[in-house]
Amino acid sequence: MQHNTTDFSSGSVKRHIMAQALPLTLAQAVQLLYNIVDRIYIGHLPEVGQMALTGLGITFPVIVLIAAFTQLVGTGGTPLFSMARGRRDEKEAEAILGNAFALLLIAAAGCFLVGFFFRKPILFAFGASEESYYYADQYLHIYIWGTAFSMVSTGLNGYINAQGFPKIGMATTIIGAVINIILDPIFIFLFDMGVKGAALATVISQAVSCVWVLRFLTGRKAILRIRRSCIRVDFQQTKRICALGVTGFVMQGTNSLVAILSNNQLQIFGEQMMAGGGDLYVGVMTVLSSVREMLGLPVGGIASGSQPVIGFNYGAGKYDRVKEGIRFSALLGAGYTIISWAVVMLIPRVMIAMFTDDATTIDVGARMLNIYFFGFVFMAFQFAGQSTFQGLGKAKQAIFFAIFRKIVIIAPLTLLLPRVGFGVEGVFIAEPVSNIVGGLCCFTTMWLTLYKKLDAPAKA
């Protein structure tokens, strides 16, 4: 039975990919609920929903930066931990786990201190106006107290999965998301706490997830545990952790950078359109980003699900199955994104109204949604190309194209297009242009350098 579930060299390639993609998509969807639920409830606050939603959008780059430091330690230490386990070196594995825990606590303390004492200049630098700052500060002032809970629960969850307890790891995410969904309406509406209630619900849910993770990793069920003697920073080990985790850190960091540039450009050119237009357009972008995250989840799940399948067959020398996997994931992703794009084009106002009942935001948002999602199908080719590079061990190419799309295309276009006649719409146009150019470049490079060379050895 174990052989059948792990041997991807026989059976249906399509079925193997879907079997991997579905649970991955579900896990990512549950994780996404943390942020999406907050935005939906806050956007429907009576009278202040639009401005409160804008304030929440201003905090997004801060939250992403915190996630970047979590990725640095979490994704950097987990492979080292797994390799030590593979060598049967339990002492080394527990030392890595303890070191990661210590690093997460130190990073959390640093993020908390910076966020707590410098949040006002940070929020204004990240695109807040005098009005939206009020709501951004309300949210971040409380959210920042849960930094350690968030970083520890997310950063150490991978060490649970690495010990062969995926259900426990999945429960970490589900427990937090369910608690957040339950507490959000209670704190926001019943207790009339508004934005503060959303932040408090998030902190409590993260705290429960953190307790869940620590209880398991210090309990008897864990194969390898966090021990007091191992909770210390080892310089050489830390360098190795950071070297492996820098990829996730850079990718999250570039996400934050793009969001900061976008918020600031929307404030500048939105105000030129109308009084208060800056906050309006930041709020619209917050909604559009949320819609993109929701609709983009299955594409990412398909791409991630294909990685172990094509990687296994590549290692087994079955290159015909590798090519079949690449074709299937690309075509399935393209088909899904075409359908998603059609739905968005047919009911743009419905998509926006999920997050707000403000008439102006819905009107402007529906128009910008048509621009923002143009070329959405090319996102599937970006994901297919990157996942193929990753699945076949070409990490440098995967990182390059992720950074290429954000730093080389989106960031410059976000600064340039509004200044060459497109105005505030130029910020939204940058997204489809980056999808088309980035997707085509990534997929074409993969096709020419990898796919085309997977021929003759297939019969070996």
Protein backbone atom coordinates (compact mmCIF):
# COMPACT_ATOMS: atom_id res chain seq x y z
CA MET A 1 0.00 0.00 0.00
CA GLN A 2 2.78 2.41 0.85
CA HIS A 3 4.44 1.66 -2.46
CA ASN A 4 1.28 2.50 -4.41
CA THR A 5 0.91 5.88 -2.77
CA THR A 6 4.48 6.99 -3.36
CA ASP A 7 5.53 5.37 -6.65
CA PHE A 8 4.57 7.89 -9.34
CA SER A 9 6.35 5.96 -12.11
CA SER A 10 3.28 3.82 -12.83
CA GLY A 11 -0.43 4.49 -13.09
CA SER A 12 -2.15 7.60 -14.38
CA VAL A 13 0.02 10.73 -14.32
CA LYS A 14 -3.10 12.90 -14.31
CA ARG A 15 -4.55 11.04 -11.35
CA HIS A 16 -1.29 11.29 -9.41
CA ILE A 17 -1.15 15.06 -9.97
CA MET A 18 -4.77 15.58 -8.90
CA ALA A 19 -4.25 13.40 -5.81
CA GLN A 20 -1.38 15.69 -4.80
CA ALA A 21 -3.05 18.94 -5.87
CA LEU A 22 -6.38 18.62 -4.05
CA PRO A 23 -5.07 18.41 -0.45
CA LEU A 24 -2.47 21.10 -1.17
CA THR A 25 -5.17 23.43 -2.49
CA LEU A 26 -7.36 22.70 0.51
CA ALA A 27 -4.52 23.47 2.92
CA GLN A 28 -3.74 26.74 1.13
CA ALA A 29 -7.43 27.68 1.06
CA VAL A 30 -7.75 27.20 4.80
CA GLN A 31 -4.63 29.33 5.36
CA LEU A 32 -6.03 32.04 3.09
CA LEU A 33 -9.19 32.23 5.20
CA TYR A 34 -7.20 34.00 7.93
CA ASN A 35 -6.87 37.14 5.82
CA ILE A 36 -9.91 36.88 3.54
CA VAL A 37 -12.44 36.53 6.37
CA ASP A 38 -11.05 39.62 8.09
CA ARG A 39 -11.38 41.63 4.86
CA ILE A 40 -14.94 40.47 4.19
CA TYR A 41 -16.20 41.35 7.66
CA ILE A 42 -14.30 44.64 7.90
CA GLY A 43 -15.42 45.73 4.44
CA HIS A 44 -19.06 45.41 5.53
CA LEU A 45 -18.75 47.50 8.68
CA PRO A 46 -21.61 50.05 8.66
CA GLU A 47 -20.57 53.52 7.41
CA VAL A 48 -16.80 53.00 7.81
CA GLY A 49 -16.32 49.73 5.90
CA GLN A 50 -14.62 51.23 2.85
CA MET A 51 -12.06 53.21 4.85
CA ALA A 52 -11.51 50.36 7.31
CA LEU A 53 -10.83 48.00 4.39
CA THR A 54 -8.31 50.49 3.02
CA GLY A 55 -6.60 50.60 6.41
CA LEU A 56 -6.35 46.83 6.41
CA GLY A 57 -4.79 46.94 2.95
CA ILE A 58 -2.11 49.30 4.26
CA THR A 59 -1.08 46.72 6.87
CA PHE A 60 -0.64 43.96 4.26
CA PRO A 61 3.05 44.70 3.49
CA VAL A 62 3.85 44.59 7.22
CA ILE A 63 2.16 41.21 7.64
CA VAL A 64 3.97 39.87 4.57
CA LEU A 65 7.34 41.02 5.94
CA ILE A 66 6.65 39.14 9.17
CA ALA A 67 5.83 36.09 7.04
CA ALA A 68 9.13 36.59 5.18
CA PHE A 69 11.15 36.17 8.38
CA THR A 70 9.04 33.14 9.27
CA GLN A 71 9.86 31.62 5.86
CA LEU A 72 13.55 32.34 6.37
CA VAL A 73 13.69 30.10 9.44
CA GLY A 74 10.87 27.67 8.69
CA THR A 75 11.68 26.68 5.10
CA GLY A 76 15.41 27.01 5.76
CA GLY A 77 15.59 24.69 8.74
CA THR A 78 13.12 21.99 7.71
CA PRO A 79 15.33 20.45 4.95
CA LEU A 80 18.32 20.34 7.32
CA PHE A 81 16.10 18.74 9.96
CA SER A 82 14.89 16.11 7.47
CA MET A 83 18.42 15.34 6.27
CA ALA A 84 19.62 14.88 9.85
CA ARG A 85 16.71 12.49 10.45
CA GLY A 86 17.65 10.60 7.30
CA ARG A 87 21.18 10.15 8.68
CA ARG A 88 19.64 8.87 11.94
CA ASP A 89 21.34 11.78 13.71
CA GLU A 90 18.56 12.61 16.16
CA LYS A 91 20.80 14.79 18.29
CA GLU A 92 21.61 17.02 15.32
CA ALA A 93 17.96 17.11 14.23
CA GLU A 94 16.79 18.24 17.67
CA ALA A 95 19.58 20.83 17.76
CA ILE A 96 18.28 22.24 14.45
CA LEU A 97 14.72 22.28 15.80
CA GLY A 98 15.81 24.07 18.98
CA ASN A 99 17.89 26.54 17.00
CA ALA A 100 14.94 27.29 14.71
CA PHE A 101 12.69 27.87 17.72
CA ALA A 102 15.22 30.29 19.22
CA LEU A 103 15.61 32.14 15.92
CA LEU A 104 11.84 32.48 15.53
CA LEU A 105 11.54 33.95 19.03
CA ILE A 106 14.36 36.42 18.36
CA ALA A 107 12.91 37.43 14.98
CA ALA A 108 9.45 37.79 16.52
CA ALA A 109 10.83 40.02 19.26
CA GLY A 110 12.58 42.19 16.67
CA CYS A 111 9.47 42.47 14.48
CA PHE A 112 7.34 43.30 17.51
CA LEU A 113 9.65 46.05 18.76
CA VAL A 114 9.98 47.67 15.32
CA GLY A 115 6.26 47.37 14.62
CA PHE A 116 5.19 48.61 18.03
CA PHE A 117 7.45 51.65 18.33
CA PHE A 118 7.70 52.65 14.67
CA ARG A 119 4.33 51.63 13.28
CA LYS A 120 3.21 55.22 12.59
CA PRO A 121 6.07 56.15 10.21
CA ILE A 122 5.98 52.64 8.76
CA LEU A 123 2.26 52.83 7.93
CA PHE A 124 2.58 56.28 6.36
CA ALA A 125 5.59 55.08 4.35
CA PHE A 126 3.54 52.09 3.21
CA GLY A 127 0.77 54.29 1.77
CA ALA A 128 -1.51 55.37 4.61
CA SER A 129 -3.38 58.68 4.53
CA GLU A 130 -4.47 60.63 7.59
CA GLU A 131 -7.88 58.92 7.45
CA SER A 132 -6.82 55.37 6.62
CA TYR A 133 -4.00 55.49 9.19
CA TYR A 134 -6.59 55.45 11.98
CA TYR A 135 -7.89 52.03 10.93
CA ALA A 136 -4.50 50.64 9.91
CA ASP A 137 -3.11 51.56 13.32
CA GLN A 138 -6.09 50.03 15.13
CA TYR A 139 -5.49 46.72 13.39
CA LEU A 140 -1.68 46.63 13.54
CA HIS A 141 -1.48 47.84 17.15
CA ILE A 142 -3.26 44.65 18.25
CA TYR A 143 -2.01 42.30 15.53
CA ILE A 144 1.63 43.01 16.38
CA TRP A 145 1.12 41.49 19.85
CA GLY A 146 0.51 38.14 18.18
CA THR A 147 3.74 38.20 16.17
CA ALA A 148 5.39 35.44 18.21
CA PHE A 149 2.27 33.26 18.03
CA SER A 150 2.09 33.64 14.25
CA MET A 151 5.79 33.06 13.60
CA VAL A 152 6.17 30.08 15.93
CA SER A 153 3.00 28.27 14.81
CA THR A 154 3.77 28.75 11.10
CA GLY A 155 7.55 28.41 11.33
CA LEU A 156 7.55 25.21 13.39
CA ASN A 157 4.60 23.52 11.69
CA GLY A 158 6.91 22.25 8.95
CA TYR A 159 8.90 20.33 11.56
CA ILE A 160 5.73 18.43 12.44
CA ASN A 161 5.14 17.51 8.80
CA ALA A 162 8.82 16.55 8.43
CA GLN A 163 8.36 13.92 11.15
CA GLY A 164 5.55 12.26 9.20
CA PHE A 165 2.54 13.83 10.91
CA PRO A 166 0.79 15.70 8.05
CA LYS A 167 -2.63 15.46 9.72
CA ILE A 168 -1.31 17.17 12.85
CA GLY A 169 0.28 19.84 10.66
CA MET A 170 -2.96 20.33 8.75
CA ALA A 171 -4.88 20.59 12.02
CA THR A 172 -2.65 23.51 13.03
CA THR A 173 -3.99 25.55 10.13
CA ILE A 174 -7.59 24.35 10.37
CA ILE A 175 -7.88 25.03 14.11
CA GLY A 176 -6.63 28.59 13.72
CA ALA A 177 -8.82 29.34 10.70
CA VAL A 178 -11.99 27.94 12.30
CA ILE A 179 -11.45 29.89 15.52
CA ASN A 180 -10.81 33.07 13.52
CA ILE A 181 -13.99 32.58 11.49
CA ILE A 182 -16.05 32.06 14.66
CA LEU A 183 -14.54 34.94 16.65
CA ASP A 184 -14.50 37.54 13.85
CA PRO A 185 -18.25 38.31 13.80
CA ILE A 186 -18.45 38.08 17.59
CA PHE A 187 -15.72 40.64 18.23
CA ILE A 188 -16.38 42.85 15.19
CA PHE A 189 -20.17 43.12 15.39
CA LEU A 190 -21.50 41.64 18.65
CA PHE A 191 -18.90 43.35 20.86
CA ASP A 192 -18.81 46.33 18.45
CA MET A 193 -14.99 46.32 18.34
CA GLY A 194 -14.75 46.85 14.58
CA VAL A 195 -11.22 46.62 13.18
CA LYS A 196 -9.79 45.98 16.63
CA GLY A 197 -12.07 42.96 16.94
CA ALA A 198 -10.76 41.48 13.69
CA ALA A 199 -7.18 41.86 14.89
CA LEU A 200 -7.97 40.39 18.31
CA ALA A 201 -9.72 37.38 16.74
CA THR A 202 -6.65 36.78 14.58
CA VAL A 203 -4.26 37.00 17.53
CA ILE A 204 -6.34 34.58 19.61
CA SER A 205 -6.57 32.08 16.76
CA GLN A 206 -2.83 32.31 16.19
CA ALA A 207 -2.20 31.82 19.91
CA VAL A 208 -4.28 28.63 19.95
CA SER A 209 -2.41 27.32 16.88
CA CYS A 210 0.89 28.15 18.58
CA VAL A 211 -0.09 26.25 21.73
CA TRP A 212 -1.15 23.30 19.56
CA VAL A 213 2.22 23.21 17.78
CA LEU A 214 4.31 23.60 20.93
CA ARG A 215 2.28 21.06 22.84
CA PHE A 216 2.91 18.48 20.13
CA LEU A 217 6.60 19.28 19.67
CA THR A 218 7.23 19.08 23.42
CA GLY A 219 5.01 16.05 23.99
CA ARG A 220 5.51 12.31 23.79
CA LYS A 221 3.84 11.81 20.41
CA ALA A 222 6.56 13.71 18.56
CA ILE A 223 9.47 11.59 17.34
CA LEU A 224 11.87 14.49 17.91
CA ARG A 225 11.03 17.18 20.45
CA ILE A 226 11.97 20.70 21.47
CA ARG A 227 14.27 20.34 24.47
CA ARG A 228 15.42 23.16 26.72
CA SER A 229 19.04 22.20 26.23
CA CYS A 230 18.67 22.70 22.46
CA ILE A 231 16.96 26.10 22.53
CA ARG A 232 19.98 28.20 21.63
CA VAL A 233 21.45 29.93 18.59
CA ASP A 234 24.31 28.15 16.87
CA PHE A 235 26.03 30.53 14.44
CA GLN A 236 27.18 27.94 11.90
CA GLN A 237 23.84 26.20 11.92
CA THR A 238 22.03 29.53 11.59
CA LYS A 239 24.04 30.34 8.46
CA ARG A 240 22.95 27.06 6.89
CA ILE A 241 19.32 27.67 7.82
CA CYS A 242 19.34 31.18 6.37
CA ALA A 243 21.10 30.03 3.20
CA LEU A 244 18.29 27.58 2.46
CA GLY A 245 15.51 29.88 3.65
CA VAL A 246 16.58 32.98 1.74
CA THR A 247 14.50 31.96 -1.30
CA GLY A 248 11.21 32.12 0.60
CA PHE A 249 12.36 35.29 2.34
CA VAL A 250 13.15 37.05 -0.94
CA MET A 251 9.88 35.98 -2.56
CA GLN A 252 7.82 37.25 0.38
CA GLY A 253 9.94 40.39 0.58
CA THR A 254 9.33 41.22 -3.07
CA ASN A 255 5.59 40.73 -2.51
CA SER A 256 5.76 43.31 0.26
CA LEU A 257 7.80 45.71 -1.90
CA VAL A 258 5.28 45.56 -4.75
CA ALA A 259 2.39 46.19 -2.32
CA ILE A 260 4.19 49.22 -0.85
CA LEU A 261 4.86 50.72 -4.28
CA SER A 262 1.28 50.04 -5.34
CA ASN A 263 -0.26 51.66 -2.25
CA ASN A 264 1.86 54.78 -2.62
CA GLN A 265 1.16 55.18 -6.34
CA LEU A 266 -2.56 54.68 -5.77
CA GLN A 267 -2.53 57.38 -3.09
CA ILE A 268 -0.69 59.86 -5.31
CA PHE A 269 -2.61 59.38 -8.54
CA GLY A 270 -5.92 58.51 -6.89
CA GLU A 271 -5.92 61.92 -5.19
CA GLN A 272 -5.36 63.53 -8.57
CA MET A 273 -8.56 61.87 -9.79
CA MET A 274 -10.75 63.04 -6.90
CA ALA A 275 -10.63 64.12 -3.26
CA GLY A 276 -10.21 60.98 -1.17
CA GLY A 277 -9.43 59.00 -4.31
CA GLY A 278 -6.18 57.68 -2.89
CA ASP A 279 -7.89 55.77 -0.09
CA LEU A 280 -10.64 54.65 -2.46
CA TYR A 281 -8.19 53.08 -4.91
CA VAL A 282 -6.09 51.45 -2.16
CA GLY A 283 -9.32 49.88 -0.91
CA VAL A 284 -10.17 48.73 -4.44
CA MET A 285 -6.72 47.16 -4.83
CA THR A 286 -7.19 45.37 -1.49
CA VAL A 287 -10.38 43.81 -2.83
CA LEU A 288 -8.87 42.92 -6.22
CA SER A 289 -5.86 41.31 -4.56
CA SER A 290 -8.22 39.25 -2.40
CA VAL A 291 -10.18 38.06 -5.46
CA ARG A 292 -6.91 37.17 -7.20
CA GLU A 293 -5.69 35.21 -4.17
CA MET A 294 -8.94 33.22 -4.05
CA LEU A 295 -9.11 32.46 -7.76
CA GLY A 296 -5.38 31.82 -8.03
CA LEU A 297 -5.36 29.12 -5.34
CA PRO A 298 -6.28 26.14 -7.57
CA VAL A 299 -3.64 27.17 -10.13
CA GLY A 300 -0.97 27.11 -7.43
CA GLY A 301 -2.34 23.82 -6.12
CA ILE A 302 -2.15 22.19 -9.56
CA ALA A 303 1.39 23.44 -10.05
CA SER A 304 2.51 22.30 -6.60
CA GLY A 305 0.81 18.94 -7.07
CA SER A 306 2.72 18.32 -10.29
CA GLN A 307 6.16 18.87 -8.71
CA PRO A 308 6.60 15.55 -6.86
CA VAL A 309 5.11 13.62 -9.78
CA ILE A 310 7.34 15.05 -12.51
CA GLY A 311 10.33 15.07 -10.15
CA PHE A 312 9.89 11.38 -9.32
CA ASN A 313 9.56 10.38 -12.97
CA TYR A 314 12.52 12.57 -13.93
CA GLY A 315 14.64 10.75 -11.38
CA ALA A 316 13.32 7.41 -12.65
CA GLY A 317 14.28 8.32 -16.21
CA LYS A 318 10.68 8.17 -17.44
CA TYR A 319 10.81 11.40 -19.41
CA ASP A 320 7.66 10.69 -21.42
CA ARG A 321 5.70 10.78 -18.14
CA VAL A 322 7.49 13.98 -17.15
CA LYS A 323 6.34 15.62 -20.38
CA GLU A 324 2.82 14.33 -19.88
CA GLY A 325 2.76 15.83 -16.39
CA ILE A 326 4.00 19.20 -17.64
CA ARG A 327 1.39 19.27 -20.43
CA PHE A 328 -1.43 18.24 -18.12
CA SER A 329 -0.68 20.78 -15.40
CA ALA A 330 -0.25 23.60 -17.94
CA LEU A 331 -3.46 22.79 -19.84
CA LEU A 332 -5.52 22.19 -16.70
CA GLY A 333 -4.29 25.45 -15.19
CA ALA A 334 -5.00 27.31 -18.43
CA GLY A 335 -8.50 25.85 -18.67
CA TYR A 336 -9.28 26.80 -15.09
CA THR A 337 -7.99 30.36 -15.46
CA ILE A 338 -10.00 30.89 -18.67
CA ILE A 339 -13.18 29.83 -16.86
CA SER A 340 -12.29 32.01 -13.86
CA TRP A 341 -11.64 34.99 -16.12
CA ALA A 342 -15.01 34.47 -17.84
CA VAL A 343 -16.80 34.41 -14.47
CA VAL A 344 -15.03 37.60 -13.38
CA MET A 345 -15.97 39.34 -16.61
CA LEU A 346 -19.62 38.27 -16.29
CA ILE A 347 -20.16 39.21 -12.63
CA PRO A 348 -17.47 41.74 -11.62
CA ARG A 349 -19.82 43.65 -9.32
CA VAL A 350 -20.75 40.47 -7.46
CA MET A 351 -17.06 39.69 -6.88
CA ILE A 352 -16.42 43.16 -5.45
CA ALA A 353 -19.63 43.16 -3.37
CA MET A 354 -18.34 40.13 -1.46
CA PHE A 355 -15.94 42.49 0.29
CA THR A 356 -17.86 45.77 0.52
CA ASP A 357 -21.29 47.32 0.17
CA ASP A 358 -19.92 50.79 -0.66
CA ALA A 359 -21.46 51.80 -4.01
CA THR A 360 -18.46 53.83 -5.20
CA THR A 361 -16.00 51.06 -4.38
CA ILE A 362 -18.17 48.54 -6.23
CA ASP A 363 -18.46 50.81 -9.30
CA VAL A 364 -14.74 51.60 -9.49
CA GLY A 365 -13.74 48.09 -8.44
CA ALA A 366 -15.81 46.41 -11.16
CA ARG A 367 -14.16 48.58 -13.81
CA MET A 368 -10.65 47.98 -12.46
CA LEU A 369 -11.34 44.24 -12.12
CA ASN A 370 -11.79 43.99 -15.89
CA ILE A 371 -8.35 45.55 -16.35
CA TYR A 372 -6.62 43.70 -13.52
CA PHE A 373 -7.73 40.23 -14.65
CA PHE A 374 -6.96 40.68 -18.33
CA GLY A 375 -4.38 38.03 -19.20
CA PHE A 376 -5.17 36.00 -16.06
CA VAL A 377 -4.67 32.81 -18.09
CA PHE A 378 -0.95 33.55 -18.38
CA MET A 379 -0.64 33.09 -14.62
CA ALA A 380 -1.17 29.38 -15.28
CA PHE A 381 1.86 29.31 -17.58
CA GLN A 382 3.95 31.18 -14.99
CA PHE A 383 3.04 28.59 -12.36
CA ALA A 384 3.55 25.66 -14.75
CA GLY A 385 7.00 26.91 -15.73
CA GLN A 386 8.12 27.62 -12.17
CA SER A 387 6.80 24.32 -10.80
CA THR A 388 8.63 22.42 -13.55
CA PHE A 389 11.89 24.17 -12.72
CA GLN A 390 11.39 23.39 -9.03
CA GLY A 391 10.26 19.81 -9.60
CA LEU A 392 13.32 19.05 -11.74
CA GLY A 393 15.71 20.66 -9.27
CA LYS A 394 16.28 23.91 -11.18
CA ALA A 395 15.72 26.17 -8.18
CA LYS A 396 17.75 29.09 -9.53
CA GLN A 397 15.56 29.41 -12.62
CA ALA A 398 12.39 29.20 -10.51
CA ILE A 399 13.61 31.96 -8.20
CA PHE A 400 14.77 34.09 -11.12
CA PHE A 401 11.39 34.11 -12.84
CA ALA A 402 9.53 34.80 -9.58
CA ILE A 403 11.75 37.82 -8.95
CA PHE A 404 11.78 38.76 -12.65
CA ARG A 405 8.01 39.17 -12.71
CA LYS A 406 7.87 41.29 -9.56
CA ILE A 407 11.07 43.34 -9.59
CA VAL A 408 11.78 43.65 -13.33
CA ILE A 409 8.19 43.98 -14.58
CA ILE A 410 5.59 44.93 -11.95
CA ALA A 411 7.67 47.32 -9.82
CA PRO A 412 8.96 49.50 -12.71
CA LEU A 413 5.57 49.50 -14.47
CA THR A 414 3.81 50.51 -11.24
CA LEU A 415 6.08 53.55 -11.09
CA LEU A 416 6.14 54.28 -14.84
CA LEU A 417 2.64 53.74 -16.26
CA PRO A 418 0.82 56.31 -14.09
CA ARG A 419 3.37 58.93 -15.21
CA VAL A 420 3.07 58.33 -18.97
CA GLY A 421 -0.62 59.04 -19.39
CA PHE A 422 -2.36 56.07 -17.78
CA GLY A 423 -2.89 57.76 -14.42
CA VAL A 424 -4.15 55.66 -11.54
CA GLU A 425 -5.27 52.91 -13.96
CA GLY A 426 -1.60 52.32 -14.78
CA VAL A 427 -1.11 50.68 -11.38
CA PHE A 428 -3.80 48.13 -12.24
CA ILE A 429 -2.49 47.64 -15.81
CA ALA A 430 0.90 46.57 -14.41
CA GLU A 431 -0.62 43.29 -13.18
CA PRO A 432 -1.87 41.87 -16.52
CA VAL A 433 1.26 43.06 -18.34
CA SER A 434 3.43 41.24 -15.80
CA ASN A 435 1.27 38.12 -16.08
CA ILE A 436 1.55 38.06 -19.88
CA VAL A 437 5.25 38.90 -20.16
CA GLY A 438 6.35 36.95 -17.08
CA GLY A 439 4.20 33.93 -17.91
CA LEU A 440 5.36 33.72 -21.51
CA CYS A 441 9.04 34.20 -20.64
CA CYS A 442 8.97 31.61 -17.86
CA PHE A 443 7.02 28.95 -19.77
CA THR A 444 8.91 29.47 -23.03
CA THR A 445 12.27 29.18 -21.26
CA MET A 446 11.14 26.00 -19.53
CA TRP A 447 9.81 24.59 -22.82
CA LEU A 448 13.01 25.26 -24.75
CA THR A 449 15.57 24.37 -22.08
CA LEU A 450 13.85 21.40 -20.40
CA TYR A 451 10.76 20.07 -22.15
CA LYS A 452 12.30 19.91 -25.63
CA LYS A 453 15.26 17.92 -24.30
CA LEU A 454 13.11 15.22 -22.68
CA ASP A 455 12.90 12.91 -25.69
CA ALA A 456 15.35 10.14 -26.54
CA PRO A 457 16.13 9.00 -22.97
CA ALA A 458 12.47 8.12 -22.43
CA LYS A 459 12.98 4.71 -24.04
CA ALA A 460 16.09 3.90 -22.07
